[in-house]
PDB file of N, CA and C in Angstrom:
ATOM      1  N   CYS A   1      -2.126 -13.830  -3.815  1.00  0.00           N
ATOM      2  CA  CYS A   1      -2.858 -14.510  -4.977  1.00  0.00           C
ATOM      3  C   CYS A   1      -2.556 -15.986  -5.663  1.00  0.00           C
ATOM      4  N   THR A   2      -3.117 -17.038  -5.692  1.00  0.00           N
ATOM      5  CA  THR A   2      -2.363 -17.938  -6.084  1.00  0.00           C
ATOM      6  C   THR A   2      -3.412 -18.251  -7.501  1.00  0.00           C
ATOM      7  N   LEU A   3      -2.803 -18.933  -8.326  1.00  0.00           N
ATOM      8  CA  LEU A   3      -3.904 -19.756  -9.675  1.00  0.00           C
ATOM      9  C   LEU A   3      -5.543 -19.937  -8.863  1.00  0.00           C
ATOM     10  N   ASP A   4      -6.133 -19.669  -9.479  1.00  0.00           N
ATOM     11  CA  ASP A   4      -7.373 -19.497  -9.328  1.00  0.00           C
ATOM     12  C   ASP A   4      -8.180 -18.941  -8.104  1.00  0.00           C
ATOM     13  N   SER A   5      -7.306 -18.318  -8.053  1.00  0.00           N
ATOM     14  CA  SER A   5      -7.871 -17.289  -6.818  1.00  0.00           C
ATOM     15  C   SER A   5      -9.025 -16.212  -7.239  1.00  0.00           C
ATOM     16  N   GLU A   6      -9.748 -16.654  -6.196  1.00  0.00           N
ATOM     17  CA  GLU A   6     -10.690 -15.049  -5.834  1.00  0.00           C
ATOM     18  C   GLU A   6     -10.096 -13.764  -5.793  1.00  0.00           C
ATOM     19  N   VAL A   7     -10.521 -12.865  -7.049  1.00  0.00           N
ATOM     20  CA  VAL A   7     -10.340 -11.633  -6.050  1.00  0.00           C
ATOM     21  C   VAL A   7     -11.517 -10.312  -6.927  1.00  0.00           C
ATOM     22  N   ALA A   8     -11.614  -9.044  -6.737  1.00  0.00           N
ATOM     23  CA  ALA A   8     -12.429  -8.564  -7.021  1.00  0.00           C
ATOM     24  C   ALA A   8     -11.841  -7.291  -7.044  1.00  0.00           C
ATOM     25  N   LEU A   9     -11.910  -6.600  -8.452  1.00  0.00           N
ATOM     26  CA  LEU A   9     -11.211  -5.425  -8.961  1.00  0.00           C
ATOM     27  C   LEU A   9     -12.456  -3.825  -8.942  1.00  0.00           C
ATOM     28  N   ARG A  10     -11.403  -3.043  -8.853  1.00  0.00           N
ATOM     29  CA  ARG A  10     -12.384  -1.805  -8.989  1.00  0.00           C
ATOM     30  C   ARG A  10     -11.703  -0.992  -9.708  1.00  0.00           C
ATOM     31  N   VAL A  11     -12.120  -0.084 -10.387  1.00  0.00           N
ATOM     32  CA  VAL A  11     -11.599   0.680 -10.845  1.00  0.00           C
ATOM     33  C   VAL A  11     -12.022   2.476 -10.755  1.00  0.00           C
ATOM     34  N   GLY A  12     -11.538   3.169 -10.377  1.00  0.00           N
ATOM     35  CA  GLY A  12     -12.149   4.589 -10.407  1.00  0.00           C
ATOM     36  C   GLY A  12     -13.137   4.877  -9.830  1.00  0.00           C
ATOM     37  N   GLY A  13     -14.185   6.448  -9.819  1.00  0.00           N
ATOM     38  CA  GLY A  13     -15.141   6.148  -9.021  1.00  0.00           C
ATOM     39  C   GLY A  13     -15.108   6.259  -7.442  1.00  0.00           C
ATOM     40  N   ASP A  14     -15.965   6.307  -6.685  1.00  0.00           N
ATOM     41  CA  ASP A  14     -16.060   6.330  -5.050  1.00  0.00           C
ATOM     42  C   ASP A  14     -15.706   4.838  -4.388  1.00  0.00           C
ATOM     43  N   PHE A  15     -14.806   5.222  -3.771  1.00  0.00           N
ATOM     44  CA  PHE A  15     -14.468   3.712  -3.238  1.00  0.00           C
ATOM     45  C   PHE A  15     -13.517   3.995  -1.843  1.00  0.00           C
ATOM     46  N   PHE A  16     -13.480   3.000  -1.129  1.00  0.00           N
ATOM     47  CA  PHE A  16     -12.895   3.052   0.117  1.00  0.00           C
ATOM     48  C   PHE A  16     -12.897   1.527   1.092  1.00  0.00           C
ATOM     49  N   PHE A  17     -12.280   1.740   1.977  1.00  0.00           N
ATOM     50  CA  PHE A  17     -11.826   0.416   3.208  1.00  0.00           C
ATOM     51  C   PHE A  17     -12.495   0.208   3.882  1.00  0.00           C
ATOM     52  N   ASP A  18     -13.456   0.029   4.592  1.00  0.00           N
ATOM     53  CA  ASP A  18     -14.431  -0.074   5.913  1.00  0.00           C
ATOM     54  C   ASP A  18     -14.578  -1.796   6.388  1.00  0.00           C
ATOM     55  N   PRO A  19     -12.925  -1.989   7.008  1.00  0.00           N
ATOM     56  CA  PRO A  19     -13.708  -3.366   7.448  1.00  0.00           C
ATOM     57  C   PRO A  19     -14.091  -2.934   8.606  1.00  0.00           C
ATOM     58  N   GLN A  20     -15.505  -4.192   8.801  1.00  0.00           N
ATOM     59  CA  GLN A  20     -16.038  -3.852  10.466  1.00  0.00           C
ATOM     60  C   GLN A  20     -15.283  -5.135  11.243  1.00  0.00           C
ATOM     61  N   PRO A  21     -15.583  -5.131  12.908  1.00  0.00           N
ATOM     62  CA  PRO A  21     -14.851  -5.821  13.696  1.00  0.00           C
ATOM     63  C   PRO A  21     -15.399  -7.741  13.587  1.00  0.00           C
ATOM     64  N   GLY A  22     -16.257  -7.772  12.646  1.00  0.00           N
ATOM     65  CA  GLY A  22     -16.610  -8.923  12.861  1.00  0.00           C
ATOM     66  C   GLY A  22     -16.079  -9.491  11.165  1.00  0.00           C
ATOM     67  N   ASP A  23     -15.845  -8.758  10.652  1.00  0.00           N
ATOM     68  CA  ASP A  23     -15.072  -9.287   9.232  1.00  0.00           C
ATOM     69  C   ASP A  23     -14.394 -10.561   9.075  1.00  0.00           C
ATOM     70  N   SER A  24     -14.398 -11.258   8.463  1.00  0.00           N
ATOM     71  CA  SER A  24     -13.336 -11.957   7.928  1.00  0.00           C
ATOM     72  C   SER A  24     -11.727 -10.848   7.274  1.00  0.00           C
ATOM     73  N   PRO A  25     -11.181 -11.355   7.810  1.00  0.00           N
ATOM     74  CA  PRO A  25      -9.456 -10.579   7.134  1.00  0.00           C
ATOM     75  C   PRO A  25      -9.673 -10.965   5.664  1.00  0.00           C
ATOM     76  N   VAL A  26      -9.091  -9.829   4.737  1.00  0.00           N
ATOM     77  CA  VAL A  26      -8.465  -9.802   4.228  1.00  0.00           C
ATOM     78  C   VAL A  26      -7.125  -9.609   3.231  1.00  0.00           C
ATOM     79  N   ASN A  27      -7.258  -9.518   2.534  1.00  0.00           N
ATOM     80  CA  ASN A  27      -5.716  -9.240   1.669  1.00  0.00           C
ATOM     81  C   ASN A  27      -5.875  -7.933   0.668  1.00  0.00           C
ATOM     82  N   LEU A  28      -5.301  -6.662   0.675  1.00  0.00           N
ATOM     83  CA  LEU A  28      -5.463  -5.828  -0.370  1.00  0.00           C
ATOM     84  C   LEU A  28      -3.981  -5.858  -1.229  1.00  0.00           C
ATOM     85  N   VAL A  29      -4.297  -5.923  -2.345  1.00  0.00           N
ATOM     86  CA  VAL A  29      -3.677  -5.509  -3.519  1.00  0.00           C
ATOM     87  C   VAL A  29      -4.029  -3.681  -3.976  1.00  0.00           C
ATOM     88  N   LEU A  30      -3.095  -2.611  -3.543  1.00  0.00           N
ATOM     89  CA  LEU A  30      -3.638  -1.663  -4.281  1.00  0.00           C
ATOM     90  C   LEU A  30      -2.854  -1.505  -4.990  1.00  0.00           C
ATOM     91  N   ILE A  31      -3.146  -0.340  -6.555  1.00  0.00           N
ATOM     92  CA  ILE A  31      -2.432  -0.144  -7.792  1.00  0.00           C
ATOM     93  C   ILE A  31      -2.943   0.867  -7.958  1.00  0.00           C
ATOM     94  N   ALA A  32      -1.973   2.146  -8.151  1.00  0.00           N
ATOM     95  CA  ALA A  32      -1.743   3.268  -8.023  1.00  0.00           C
ATOM     96  C   ALA A  32      -0.662   3.883  -9.124  1.00  0.00           C
ATOM     97  N   GLY A  33      -1.122   4.746 -10.156  1.00  0.00           N
ATOM     98  CA  GLY A  33      -0.482   5.604 -10.920  1.00  0.00           C
ATOM     99  C   GLY A  33      -0.406   6.882 -11.240  1.00  0.00           C
ATOM    100  N   GLY A  34       0.921   7.649 -10.720  1.00  0.00           N
ATOM    101  CA  GLY A  34       0.843   9.193 -10.154  1.00  0.00           C
ATOM    102  C   GLY A  34       0.062   9.547  -9.100  1.00  0.00           C
ATOM    103  N   VAL A  35      -0.733  10.677  -9.561  1.00  0.00           N
ATOM    104  CA  VAL A  35      -1.814  11.242  -8.397  1.00  0.00           C
ATOM    105  C   VAL A  35      -2.323  10.429  -7.759  1.00  0.00           C
ATOM    106  N   GLY A  36      -2.871   9.141  -8.695  1.00  0.00           N
ATOM    107  CA  GLY A  36      -3.838   8.119  -8.377  1.00  0.00           C
ATOM    108  C   GLY A  36      -3.550   7.541  -6.960  1.00  0.00           C
ATOM    109  N   ILE A  37      -2.835   7.803  -6.356  1.00  0.00           N
ATOM    110  CA  ILE A  37      -2.208   7.278  -4.824  1.00  0.00           C
ATOM    111  C   ILE A  37      -3.464   7.932  -3.809  1.00  0.00           C
ATOM    112  N   ASN A  38      -3.912   8.857  -4.201  1.00  0.00           N
ATOM    113  CA  ASN A  38      -4.451   9.862  -2.908  1.00  0.00           C
ATOM    114  C   ASN A  38      -5.222   8.977  -2.257  1.00  0.00           C
ATOM    115  N   PRO A  39      -6.369   8.498  -2.825  1.00  0.00           N
ATOM    116  CA  PRO A  39      -7.752   7.578  -2.158  1.00  0.00           C
ATOM    117  C   PRO A  39      -6.852   6.215  -1.948  1.00  0.00           C
ATOM    118  N   LEU A  40      -5.841   6.022  -2.412  1.00  0.00           N
ATOM    119  CA  LEU A  40      -5.314   4.492  -1.754  1.00  0.00           C
ATOM    120  C   LEU A  40      -4.018   4.827  -0.500  1.00  0.00           C
ATOM    121  N   PHE A  41      -3.901   6.570  -1.038  1.00  0.00           N
ATOM    122  CA  PHE A  41      -2.670   6.173   0.733  1.00  0.00           C
ATOM    123  C   PHE A  41      -3.996   6.680   1.678  1.00  0.00           C
ATOM    124  N   SER A  42      -5.064   7.353   1.167  1.00  0.00           N
ATOM    125  CA  SER A  42      -5.919   7.207   2.383  1.00  0.00           C
ATOM    126  C   SER A  42      -5.958   5.972   3.254  1.00  0.00           C
ATOM    127  N   ILE A  43      -6.323   5.181   2.488  1.00  0.00           N
ATOM    128  CA  ILE A  43      -6.189   3.592   2.257  1.00  0.00           C
ATOM    129  C   ILE A  43      -5.449   2.740   3.413  1.00  0.00           C
ATOM    130  N   LEU A  44      -4.312   3.068   2.762  1.00  0.00           N
ATOM    131  CA  LEU A  44      -2.736   2.550   3.859  1.00  0.00           C
ATOM    132  C   LEU A  44      -2.796   3.324   5.159  1.00  0.00           C
ATOM    133  N   LEU A  45      -3.339   4.484   5.177  1.00  0.00           N
ATOM    134  CA  LEU A  45      -3.033   5.373   6.615  1.00  0.00           C
ATOM    135  C   LEU A  45      -4.597   4.524   7.323  1.00  0.00           C
ATOM    136  N   HIS A  46      -5.698   4.177   6.775  1.00  0.00           N
ATOM    137  CA  HIS A  46      -6.861   3.784   7.620  1.00  0.00           C
ATOM    138  C   HIS A  46      -5.859   2.276   8.202  1.00  0.00           C
ATOM    139  N   ILE A  47      -5.034   1.526   7.248  1.00  0.00           N
ATOM    140  CA  ILE A  47      -5.149   0.030   7.558  1.00  0.00           C
ATOM    141  C   ILE A  47      -3.973   0.070   9.008  1.00  0.00           C
ATOM    142  N   ALA A  48      -2.900   0.999   8.497  1.00  0.00           N
ATOM    143  CA  ALA A  48      -2.088   1.516   9.607  1.00  0.00           C
ATOM    144  C   ALA A  48      -2.625   1.692  11.101  1.00  0.00           C
ATOM    145  N   ASP A  49      -3.890   2.879  10.756  1.00  0.00           N
ATOM    146  CA  ASP A  49      -4.400   2.959  12.088  1.00  0.00           C
ATOM    147  C   ASP A  49      -4.928   1.915  13.183  1.00  0.00           C
ATOM    148  N   LEU A  50      -5.545   1.207  11.992  1.00  0.00           N
ATOM    149  CA  LEU A  50      -6.442   0.062  12.422  1.00  0.00           C
ATOM    150  C   LEU A  50      -5.279  -1.622  13.417  1.00  0.00           C
ATOM    151  N   HIS A  51      -4.217  -1.458  11.981  1.00  0.00           N
ATOM    152  CA  HIS A  51      -2.797  -2.591  12.758  1.00  0.00           C
ATOM    153  C   HIS A  51      -2.730  -1.508  13.915  1.00  0.00           C
ATOM    154  N   GLY A  52      -2.500  -0.253  14.412  1.00  0.00           N
ATOM    155  CA  GLY A  52      -1.892   0.108  15.313  1.00  0.00           C
ATOM    156  C   GLY A  52      -3.006   0.063  16.774  1.00  0.00           C
ATOM    157  N   TYR A  53      -4.411   0.512  16.546  1.00  0.00           N
ATOM    158  CA  TYR A  53      -4.789  -0.029  17.699  1.00  0.00           C
ATOM    159  C   TYR A  53      -5.287  -1.383  17.864  1.00  0.00           C
ATOM    160  N   GLN A  54      -5.094  -1.815  17.053  1.00  0.00           N
ATOM    161  CA  GLN A  54      -4.985  -3.813  16.869  1.00  0.00           C
ATOM    162  C   GLN A  54      -4.042  -4.162  17.887  1.00  0.00           C
ATOM    163  N   GLU A  55      -2.850  -3.736  17.989  1.00  0.00           N
ATOM    164  CA  GLU A  55      -1.605  -4.023  18.847  1.00  0.00           C
ATOM    165  C   GLU A  55      -1.529  -3.495  20.100  1.00  0.00           C
ATOM    166  N   GLY A  56      -2.266  -2.607  20.209  1.00  0.00           N
ATOM    167  CA  GLY A  56      -2.387  -1.110  21.104  1.00  0.00           C
ATOM    168  C   GLY A  56      -3.704  -1.627  22.631  1.00  0.00           C
ATOM    169  N   LYS A  57      -4.686  -1.684  21.542  1.00  0.00           N
ATOM    170  CA  LYS A  57      -5.825  -1.895  23.062  1.00  0.00           C
ATOM    171  C   LYS A  57      -6.768  -3.296  22.724  1.00  0.00           C
ATOM    172  N   GLY A  58      -6.110  -4.006  21.241  1.00  0.00           N
ATOM    173  CA  GLY A  58      -6.888  -5.518  21.684  1.00  0.00           C
ATOM    174  C   GLY A  58      -7.912  -5.700  20.506  1.00  0.00           C
ATOM    175  N   ASN A  59      -8.562  -4.076  19.688  1.00  0.00           N
ATOM    176  CA  ASN A  59      -9.514  -4.072  18.514  1.00  0.00           C
ATOM    177  C   ASN A  59     -10.205  -5.414  18.170  1.00  0.00           C
ATOM    178  N   ARG A  60     -10.988  -5.469  17.817  1.00  0.00           N
ATOM    179  CA  ARG A  60     -12.047  -6.957  17.109  1.00  0.00           C
ATOM    180  C   ARG A  60     -11.592  -6.692  15.549  1.00  0.00           C
ATOM    181  N   HIS A  61     -11.148  -5.881  14.921  1.00  0.00           N
ATOM    182  CA  HIS A  61     -10.839  -6.267  14.198  1.00  0.00           C
ATOM    183  C   HIS A  61      -9.728  -7.239  13.755  1.00  0.00           C
ATOM    184  N   LYS A  62     -10.123  -7.934  12.510  1.00  0.00           N
ATOM    185  CA  LYS A  62      -8.993  -8.758  11.610  1.00  0.00           C
ATOM    186  C   LYS A  62      -8.579  -8.702  10.555  1.00  0.00           C
ATOM    187  N   LEU A  63      -7.121  -8.226  10.273  1.00  0.00           N
ATOM    188  CA  LEU A  63      -6.795  -7.445   9.361  1.00  0.00           C
ATOM    189  C   LEU A  63      -5.713  -8.084   8.812  1.00  0.00           C
ATOM    190  N   GLY A  64      -5.609  -8.591   7.437  1.00  0.00           N
ATOM    191  CA  GLY A  64      -4.853  -9.082   6.280  1.00  0.00           C
ATOM    192  C   GLY A  64      -3.846  -8.476   6.581  1.00  0.00           C
ATOM    193  N   THR A  65      -3.263  -8.629   4.764  1.00  0.00           N
ATOM    194  CA  THR A  65      -1.739  -7.783   4.893  1.00  0.00           C
ATOM    195  C   THR A  65      -2.590  -6.722   3.315  1.00  0.00           C
ATOM    196  N   ALA A  66      -1.513  -5.563   3.473  1.00  0.00           N
ATOM    197  CA  ALA A  66      -1.817  -4.823   2.113  1.00  0.00           C
ATOM    198  C   ALA A  66      -0.308  -4.210   1.303  1.00  0.00           C
ATOM    199  N   LYS A  67      -0.371  -4.837  -0.049  1.00  0.00           N
ATOM    200  CA  LYS A  67       0.892  -4.647  -0.621  1.00  0.00           C
ATOM    201  C   LYS A  67       0.148  -3.653  -1.539  1.00  0.00           C
ATOM    202  N   LEU A  68       1.307  -2.038  -1.878  1.00  0.00           N
ATOM    203  CA  LEU A  68       0.785  -1.597  -3.199  1.00  0.00           C
ATOM    204  C   LEU A  68       1.724  -2.013  -3.812  1.00  0.00           C
ATOM    205  N   TYR A  69       1.073  -1.381  -5.357  1.00  0.00           N
ATOM    206  CA  TYR A  69       2.233  -1.108  -6.058  1.00  0.00           C
ATOM    207  C   TYR A  69       2.103   0.351  -6.624  1.00  0.00           C
ATOM    208  N   TYR A  70       2.938   0.957  -6.979  1.00  0.00           N
ATOM    209  CA  TYR A  70       2.648   1.591  -7.275  1.00  0.00           C
ATOM    210  C   TYR A  70       3.747   2.824  -8.025  1.00  0.00           C
ATOM    211  N   SER A  71       3.187   3.035  -9.363  1.00  0.00           N
ATOM    212  CA  SER A  71       4.573   3.412 -10.361  1.00  0.00           C
ATOM    213  C   SER A  71       4.094   5.057 -10.638  1.00  0.00           C
ATOM    214  N   ALA A  72       5.225   5.531 -11.112  1.00  0.00           N
ATOM    215  CA  ALA A  72       5.306   6.891 -11.460  1.00  0.00           C
ATOM    216  C   ALA A  72       6.859   7.111 -12.559  1.00  0.00           C
ATOM    217  N   LYS A  73       6.621   8.389 -13.485  1.00  0.00           N
ATOM    218  CA  LYS A  73       7.994   8.424 -14.210  1.00  0.00           C
ATOM    219  C   LYS A  73       8.761   8.592 -13.615  1.00  0.00           C
ATOM    220  N   ASN A  74       9.131   8.632 -12.189  1.00  0.00           N
ATOM    221  CA  ASN A  74      10.542   8.813 -12.033  1.00  0.00           C
ATOM    222  C   ASN A  74      10.522   9.219 -10.379  1.00  0.00           C
ATOM    223  N   THR A  75      11.140   8.975  -9.412  1.00  0.00           N
ATOM    224  CA  THR A  75      11.332   8.690  -7.735  1.00  0.00           C
ATOM    225  C   THR A  75      10.578  10.204  -7.426  1.00  0.00           C
ATOM    226  N   SER A  76      10.679  10.995  -8.217  1.00  0.00           N
ATOM    227  CA  SER A  76      10.131  12.659  -7.716  1.00  0.00           C
ATOM    228  C   SER A  76       8.892  12.700  -7.829  1.00  0.00           C
ATOM    229  N   ASP A  77       8.406  11.961  -8.859  1.00  0.00           N
ATOM    230  CA  ASP A  77       6.474  11.636  -8.815  1.00  0.00           C
ATOM    231  C   ASP A  77       6.573  10.761  -8.409  1.00  0.00           C
ATOM    232  N   LEU A  78       6.918  10.267  -7.338  1.00  0.00           N
ATOM    233  CA  LEU A  78       6.496   9.223  -6.294  1.00  0.00           C
ATOM    234  C   LEU A  78       5.819   9.890  -4.713  1.00  0.00           C
ATOM    235  N   LEU A  79       4.457  10.420  -4.685  1.00  0.00           N
ATOM    236  CA  LEU A  79       3.960  10.748  -3.821  1.00  0.00           C
ATOM    237  C   LEU A  79       3.704   9.944  -2.398  1.00  0.00           C
ATOM    238  N   PHE A  80       3.962  10.877  -1.306  1.00  0.00           N
ATOM    239  CA  PHE A  80       4.337  10.115   0.070  1.00  0.00           C
ATOM    240  C   PHE A  80       5.217   9.053   0.008  1.00  0.00           C
ATOM    241  N   LYS A  81       5.977   9.134  -0.563  1.00  0.00           N
ATOM    242  CA  LYS A  81       7.418   7.670  -0.905  1.00  0.00           C
ATOM    243  C   LYS A  81       7.699   7.783   0.505  1.00  0.00           C
ATOM    244  N   LYS A  82       7.950   8.803   1.102  1.00  0.00           N
ATOM    245  CA  LYS A  82       8.483   8.699   2.615  1.00  0.00           C
ATOM    246  C   LYS A  82       7.638   8.221   3.582  1.00  0.00           C
ATOM    247  N   ASN A  83       6.396   8.623   3.702  1.00  0.00           N
ATOM    248  CA  ASN A  83       5.123   8.527   4.446  1.00  0.00           C
ATOM    249  C   ASN A  83       5.315   6.535   4.086  1.00  0.00           C
ATOM    250  N   ILE A  84       5.125   6.396   2.755  1.00  0.00           N
ATOM    251  CA  ILE A  84       4.988   5.122   2.441  1.00  0.00           C
ATOM    252  C   ILE A  84       5.955   3.874   3.213  1.00  0.00           C
ATOM    253  N   LEU A  85       7.022   4.626   2.907  1.00  0.00           N
ATOM    254  CA  LEU A  85       8.575   3.538   3.626  1.00  0.00           C
ATOM    255  C   LEU A  85       7.992   3.427   5.711  1.00  0.00           C
ATOM    256  N   GLY A  86       7.651   4.634   5.680  1.00  0.00           N
ATOM    257  CA  GLY A  86       7.379   4.431   7.385  1.00  0.00           C
ATOM    258  C   GLY A  86       6.156   3.918   8.210  1.00  0.00           C
ATOM    259  N   LEU A  87       5.222   3.722   7.077  1.00  0.00           N
ATOM    260  CA  LEU A  87       4.376   2.792   7.255  1.00  0.00           C
ATOM    261  C   LEU A  87       4.990   1.041   7.135  1.00  0.00           C
ATOM    262  N   MET A  88       5.655   0.643   6.086  1.00  0.00           N
ATOM    263  CA  MET A  88       6.271  -0.327   6.399  1.00  0.00           C
ATOM    264  C   MET A  88       7.186  -0.739   7.417  1.00  0.00           C
ATOM    265  N   LYS A  89       8.336   0.735   7.709  1.00  0.00           N
ATOM    266  CA  LYS A  89       8.979  -0.161   8.890  1.00  0.00           C
ATOM    267  C   LYS A  89       8.184   0.020  10.203  1.00  0.00           C
ATOM    268  N   ALA A  90       6.494   0.578  10.186  1.00  0.00           N
ATOM    269  CA  ALA A  90       5.994   0.049  11.418  1.00  0.00           C
ATOM    270  C   ALA A  90       5.431  -0.734  11.802  1.00  0.00           C
ATOM    271  N   PHE A  91       4.737  -1.307  10.327  1.00  0.00           N
ATOM    272  CA  PHE A  91       4.269  -2.700  10.622  1.00  0.00           C
ATOM    273  C   PHE A  91       4.419  -3.355   9.086  1.00  0.00           C
ATOM    274  N   PRO A  92       5.842  -3.634   9.856  1.00  0.00           N
ATOM    275  CA  PRO A  92       6.835  -5.176   8.738  1.00  0.00           C
ATOM    276  C   PRO A  92       5.635  -6.202   8.275  1.00  0.00           C
ATOM    277  N   GLY A  93       5.574  -6.353   7.168  1.00  0.00           N
ATOM    278  CA  GLY A  93       5.271  -7.965   6.708  1.00  0.00           C
ATOM    279  C   GLY A  93       3.483  -7.534   6.591  1.00  0.00           C
ATOM    280  N   LYS A  94       3.091  -6.542   7.458  1.00  0.00           N
ATOM    281  CA  LYS A  94       1.751  -6.026   6.988  1.00  0.00           C
ATOM    282  C   LYS A  94       1.397  -5.294   6.123  1.00  0.00           C
ATOM    283  N   ILE A  95       2.537  -4.414   5.654  1.00  0.00           N
ATOM    284  CA  ILE A  95       1.919  -3.326   4.371  1.00  0.00           C
ATOM    285  C   ILE A  95       3.735  -3.067   3.922  1.00  0.00           C
ATOM    286  N   THR A  96       2.960  -3.634   2.630  1.00  0.00           N
ATOM    287  CA  THR A  96       4.243  -3.673   1.686  1.00  0.00           C
ATOM    288  C   THR A  96       3.841  -3.234   0.788  1.00  0.00           C
ATOM    289  N   CYS A  97       5.019  -1.978  -0.515  1.00  0.00           N
ATOM    290  CA  CYS A  97       5.143  -1.655  -1.055  1.00  0.00           C
ATOM    291  C   CYS A  97       6.186  -1.549  -2.244  1.00  0.00           C
ATOM    292  N   CYS A  98       5.334  -1.743  -3.443  1.00  0.00           N
ATOM    293  CA  CYS A  98       7.026  -1.741  -4.661  1.00  0.00           C
ATOM    294  C   CYS A  98       6.032  -0.648  -5.639  1.00  0.00           C
ATOM    295  N   PHE A  99       7.665  -0.004  -5.767  1.00  0.00           N
ATOM    296  CA  PHE A  99       7.714   1.195  -6.639  1.00  0.00           C
ATOM    297  C   PHE A  99       8.280   0.780  -8.124  1.00  0.00           C
ATOM    298  N   HIS A 100       7.339   1.569  -8.656  1.00  0.00           N
ATOM    299  CA  HIS A 100       7.642   1.460 -10.664  1.00  0.00           C
ATOM    300  C   HIS A 100       7.974   2.937 -10.635  1.00  0.00           C
ATOM    301  N   VAL A 101       9.467   3.058 -11.483  1.00  0.00           N
ATOM    302  CA  VAL A 101       9.040   4.301 -12.345  1.00  0.00           C
ATOM    303  C   VAL A 101       9.579   3.578 -13.901  1.00  0.00           C
ATOM    304  N   THR A 102       9.368   4.915 -14.379  1.00  0.00           N
ATOM    305  CA  THR A 102       8.919   4.149 -16.249  1.00  0.00           C
ATOM    306  C   THR A 102      10.213   5.054 -16.813  1.00  0.00           C
ATOM    307  N   GLN A 103      10.422   6.338 -16.062  1.00  0.00           N
ATOM    308  CA  GLN A 103      11.648   7.374 -16.573  1.00  0.00           C
ATOM    309  C   GLN A 103      12.445   7.807 -15.904  1.00  0.00           C
ATOM    310  N   GLN A 104      12.949   6.727 -14.978  1.00  0.00           N
ATOM    311  CA  GLN A 104      14.498   7.409 -14.510  1.00  0.00           C
ATOM    312  C   GLN A 104      15.653   7.679 -14.829  1.00  0.00           C
ATOM    313  N   HIS A 105      16.465   8.901 -14.797  1.00  0.00           N
ATOM    314  CA  HIS A 105      17.970   8.594 -15.750  1.00  0.00           C
ATOM    315  C   HIS A 105      18.314   9.379 -14.779  1.00  0.00           C
ATOM    316  N   SER A 106      18.086   9.743 -13.327  1.00  0.00           N
ATOM    317  CA  SER A 106      19.649   9.622 -12.305  1.00  0.00           C
ATOM    318  C   SER A 106      19.489   8.884 -11.484  1.00  0.00           C
ATOM    319  N   GLN A 107      20.357   9.184 -10.198  1.00  0.00           N
ATOM    320  CA  GLN A 107      20.795   8.214  -9.464  1.00  0.00           C
ATOM    321  C   GLN A 107      19.466   7.724  -8.050  1.00  0.00           C
ATOM    322  N   ILE A 108      19.223   6.708  -7.923  1.00  0.00           N
ATOM    323  CA  ILE A 108      17.835   5.818  -7.106  1.00  0.00           C
ATOM    324  C   ILE A 108      18.464   5.942  -5.792  1.00  0.00           C
ATOM    325  N   CYS A 109      17.838   6.878  -4.584  1.00  0.00           N
ATOM    326  CA  CYS A 109      18.263   7.048  -3.379  1.00  0.00           C
ATOM    327  C   CYS A 109      18.462   5.676  -2.535  1.00  0.00           C
ATOM    328  N   GLU A 110      19.503   5.125  -1.962  1.00  0.00           N
ATOM    329  CA  GLU A 110      19.585   3.905  -1.310  1.00  0.00           C
ATOM    330  C   GLU A 110      18.306   3.818  -0.478  1.00  0.00           C
ATOM    331  N   GLU A 111      17.222   4.622  -0.023  1.00  0.00           N
ATOM    332  CA  GLU A 111      16.240   3.894   1.120  1.00  0.00           C
ATOM    333  C   GLU A 111      15.254   3.350   0.197  1.00  0.00           C
ATOM    334  N   LEU A 112      15.337   3.286  -1.353  1.00  0.00           N
ATOM    335  CA  LEU A 112      14.336   3.816  -1.753  1.00  0.00           C
ATOM    336  C   LEU A 112      14.697   2.215  -2.791  1.00  0.00           C
ATOM    337  N   GLN A 113      15.695   2.074  -3.027  1.00  0.00           N
ATOM    338  CA  GLN A 113      16.265   1.210  -3.983  1.00  0.00           C
ATOM    339  C   GLN A 113      15.468  -0.496  -3.552  1.00  0.00           C
ATOM    340  N   PRO A 114      15.395  -1.074  -2.583  1.00  0.00           N
ATOM    341  CA  PRO A 114      15.151  -1.814  -2.171  1.00  0.00           C
ATOM    342  C   PRO A 114      13.417  -2.004  -2.718  1.00  0.00           C
ATOM    343  N   HIS A 115      12.998  -1.285  -3.251  1.00  0.00           N
ATOM    344  CA  HIS A 115      11.962  -1.601  -3.029  1.00  0.00           C
ATOM    345  C   HIS A 115      11.372  -0.780  -4.550  1.00  0.00           C
ATOM    346  N   ILE A 116      12.325  -0.575  -4.973  1.00  0.00           N
ATOM    347  CA  ILE A 116      11.795   0.232  -7.037  1.00  0.00           C
ATOM    348  C   ILE A 116      12.097  -0.854  -7.696  1.00  0.00           C
ATOM    349  N   THR A 117      11.332  -1.224  -8.955  1.00  0.00           N
ATOM    350  CA  THR A 117      11.275  -1.894 -10.326  1.00  0.00           C
ATOM    351  C   THR A 117      11.534  -0.649 -11.035  1.00  0.00           C
ATOM    352  N   GLY A 118      11.734  -1.387 -12.275  1.00  0.00           N
ATOM    353  CA  GLY A 118      11.570  -0.650 -13.457  1.00  0.00           C
ATOM    354  C   GLY A 118      13.432  -0.208 -13.751  1.00  0.00           C
ATOM    355  N   LYS A 119      12.980   0.935 -14.810  1.00  0.00           N
ATOM    356  CA  LYS A 119      14.574   1.551 -15.194  1.00  0.00           C
ATOM    357  C   LYS A 119      14.701   2.877 -13.770  1.00  0.00           C
TER     358      LYS A 119
END
C-alpha cells in the first residue's frame, strides 16, 4: 500500500477469499498470530491453486499478490512454515511471507533466516 491507499480490514469471524473470473485483481495482506494461521493458510492454498490453474490452463481469474505476515513466540510455533516456504518458491513474487518471532532463544535455521524478523 502507499499513502492514501484504500484498504479493507477484517478481524475474526467467518471470512474467505473467493475471487470470481471477472473480478479485478486484488493484492492481499494476511496477518496471523499463532494458531490464527489456520484460515489464512487455507486462503494461501486457494490462491496457489488459482495461480497454478491460471498458469497451466489459462483460467480467467486475474490475481494480485498475497503477502503473509505471521508471528509466533518462536520458529517451532510457526505452523505450516515448510508449506508456506514451498508456496513462496512455487510462486515467486506472487506469494510472499514475513515471519516474526518474539521469544526465540535458539539459532534460527538457514532456510527461515531470510524471512524472519524480530529476535
